[in-house]
């Protein structure tokens, strides 16, 4: 079974192109160091819920869109090894200045998940 790092964040629509550019570079770094899959997706069919929803989870503001991202690894051990390499990669350091990020990192939700049901083709 695989291991997944998942992320949910709010990105201002006017900064979505900048976010996409950073995501493309970051995805290449993760893939170069052994990630199996790197996905960045923008909300298309997400509604505000009665109690909780993706928009509410990131305190979505007017003019923002929800981005859902995940990175797939062979295992937790492999994820930890990949992330160690990624975090020391100078390509990533150049992108990670919080003052230059096109989103509010304080409203990003993230975590690691061990899959326990998995289907693929």
Protein backbone atom coordinates (compact mmCIF):
# COMPACT_ATOMS: atom_id res chain seq x y z
CA UNK A 1 0.00 0.00 0.00
CA UNK A 2 1.18 3.51 -0.77
CA UNK A 3 1.66 6.56 1.42
CA UNK A 4 0.22 9.98 0.54
CA UNK A 5 0.96 13.54 1.59
CA UNK A 6 -2.19 15.63 1.12
CA UNK A 7 -2.67 19.39 1.02
CA UNK A 8 -5.68 21.72 0.86
CA UNK A 9 -5.16 25.45 0.47
CA UNK A 10 -6.77 28.66 -0.74
CA UNK A 11 -5.15 30.47 -3.65
CA UNK A 12 -6.25 33.90 -4.88
CA UNK A 13 -7.59 33.47 -8.42
CA UNK A 14 -5.36 36.30 -9.63
CA UNK A 15 -2.32 34.37 -8.33
CA UNK A 16 -3.31 30.95 -9.68
CA UNK A 17 -0.89 31.18 -12.62
CA UNK A 18 1.99 31.97 -10.23
CA UNK A 19 0.94 29.07 -8.00
CA UNK A 20 0.80 26.74 -11.00
CA UNK A 21 4.32 27.77 -12.05
CA UNK A 22 5.66 27.00 -8.57
CA UNK A 23 3.71 23.72 -8.44
CA UNK A 24 5.22 22.58 -11.76
CA UNK A 25 8.73 23.24 -10.45
CA UNK A 26 8.00 21.62 -7.08
CA UNK A 27 6.45 18.59 -8.76
CA UNK A 28 9.59 18.06 -10.78
CA UNK A 29 11.71 18.20 -7.61
CA UNK A 30 9.53 15.62 -5.83
CA UNK A 31 9.45 13.33 -8.87
CA UNK A 32 13.23 13.63 -9.35
CA UNK A 33 13.71 12.42 -5.77
CA UNK A 34 11.39 9.41 -5.99
CA UNK A 35 7.75 10.39 -5.55
CA UNK A 36 5.47 8.10 -7.57
CA UNK A 37 2.87 10.73 -8.40
CA UNK A 38 2.43 14.48 -7.88
CA UNK A 39 -1.02 16.02 -8.41
CA UNK A 40 -2.19 19.64 -8.10
CA UNK A 41 -5.88 20.22 -8.71
CA UNK A 42 -8.13 23.26 -8.58
CA UNK A 43 -11.69 23.17 -7.25
CA UNK A 44 -14.31 22.59 -9.91
CA UNK A 45 -17.31 21.17 -8.04
CA UNK A 46 -16.97 22.13 -4.36
CA UNK A 47 -19.82 23.72 -2.51
CA UNK A 48 -19.89 25.39 0.87
CA UNK A 49 -21.36 22.88 3.29
CA UNK A 50 -23.84 23.31 6.09
CA UNK A 51 -21.28 22.31 8.74
CA UNK A 52 -17.93 21.89 7.00
CA UNK A 53 -16.54 21.77 3.48
CA UNK A 54 -13.35 22.36 1.54
CA UNK A 55 -14.06 26.10 1.24
CA UNK A 56 -14.79 26.40 4.95
CA UNK A 57 -11.75 24.33 5.94
CA UNK A 58 -9.38 26.91 4.42
CA UNK A 59 -11.54 29.91 5.31
CA UNK A 60 -11.97 30.68 1.62
CA UNK A 61 -12.30 34.39 0.87
CA UNK A 62 -13.91 36.12 -2.09
CA UNK A 63 -11.64 35.89 -5.13
CA UNK A 64 -9.95 32.67 -3.98
CA UNK A 65 -10.17 29.08 -5.13
CA UNK A 66 -9.50 25.82 -3.28
CA UNK A 67 -6.49 23.78 -4.40
CA UNK A 68 -6.23 20.11 -3.46
CA UNK A 69 -2.85 18.47 -3.91
CA UNK A 70 -1.28 15.16 -3.11
CA UNK A 71 1.98 13.33 -3.53
CA UNK A 72 2.13 9.52 -3.64
CA UNK A 73 5.04 7.43 -2.35
CA UNK A 74 5.75 3.69 -2.05
CA UNK A 75 5.64 3.81 1.77
CA UNK A 76 6.06 6.08 4.78
CA UNK A 77 9.74 5.14 4.92
CA UNK A 78 10.14 6.06 1.25
CA UNK A 79 8.21 9.32 1.80
CA UNK A 80 10.50 10.31 4.65
CA UNK A 81 13.58 9.59 2.51
CA UNK A 82 12.18 11.49 -0.50
CA UNK A 83 11.18 14.49 1.62
CA UNK A 84 14.61 14.62 3.23
CA UNK A 85 16.17 14.91 -0.24
CA UNK A 86 13.53 17.39 -1.40
CA UNK A 87 14.01 19.68 1.59
CA UNK A 88 17.76 19.92 0.90
CA UNK A 89 17.29 20.50 -2.84
CA UNK A 90 18.32 24.08 -3.73
CA UNK A 91 15.58 24.24 -6.40
CA UNK A 92 12.94 23.99 -3.68
CA UNK A 93 14.61 26.48 -1.34
CA UNK A 94 14.40 29.11 -4.07
CA UNK A 95 10.60 28.64 -4.25
CA UNK A 96 9.72 28.42 -0.56
CA UNK A 97 10.13 31.99 0.67
CA UNK A 98 6.84 32.55 2.59
CA UNK A 99 6.84 36.24 1.62
CA UNK A 100 6.83 35.31 -2.08
CA UNK A 101 4.30 32.46 -1.93
CA UNK A 102 1.10 33.13 -3.92
CA UNK A 103 -1.10 31.88 -1.06
CA UNK A 104 -1.52 32.18 2.70
CA UNK A 105 0.38 29.23 4.17
CA UNK A 106 -1.34 29.71 7.54
CA UNK A 107 -4.58 28.44 5.98
CA UNK A 108 -3.02 25.37 4.36
CA UNK A 109 -4.07 22.00 5.72
CA UNK A 110 -1.67 19.11 5.22
CA UNK A 111 -0.77 15.70 6.52
CA UNK A 112 0.53 12.24 5.74
CA UNK A 113 -1.84 9.35 5.11
CA UNK A 114 -1.28 5.61 5.03
CA UNK A 115 -3.60 4.05 2.45
CA UNK A 116 -5.68 1.14 3.63
CA UNK A 117 -7.89 0.54 0.57
CA UNK A 118 -6.37 1.02 -2.85
CA UNK A 119 -7.40 0.27 -6.45
CA UNK A 120 -5.52 1.17 -9.61
CA UNK A 121 -5.30 0.16 -13.27
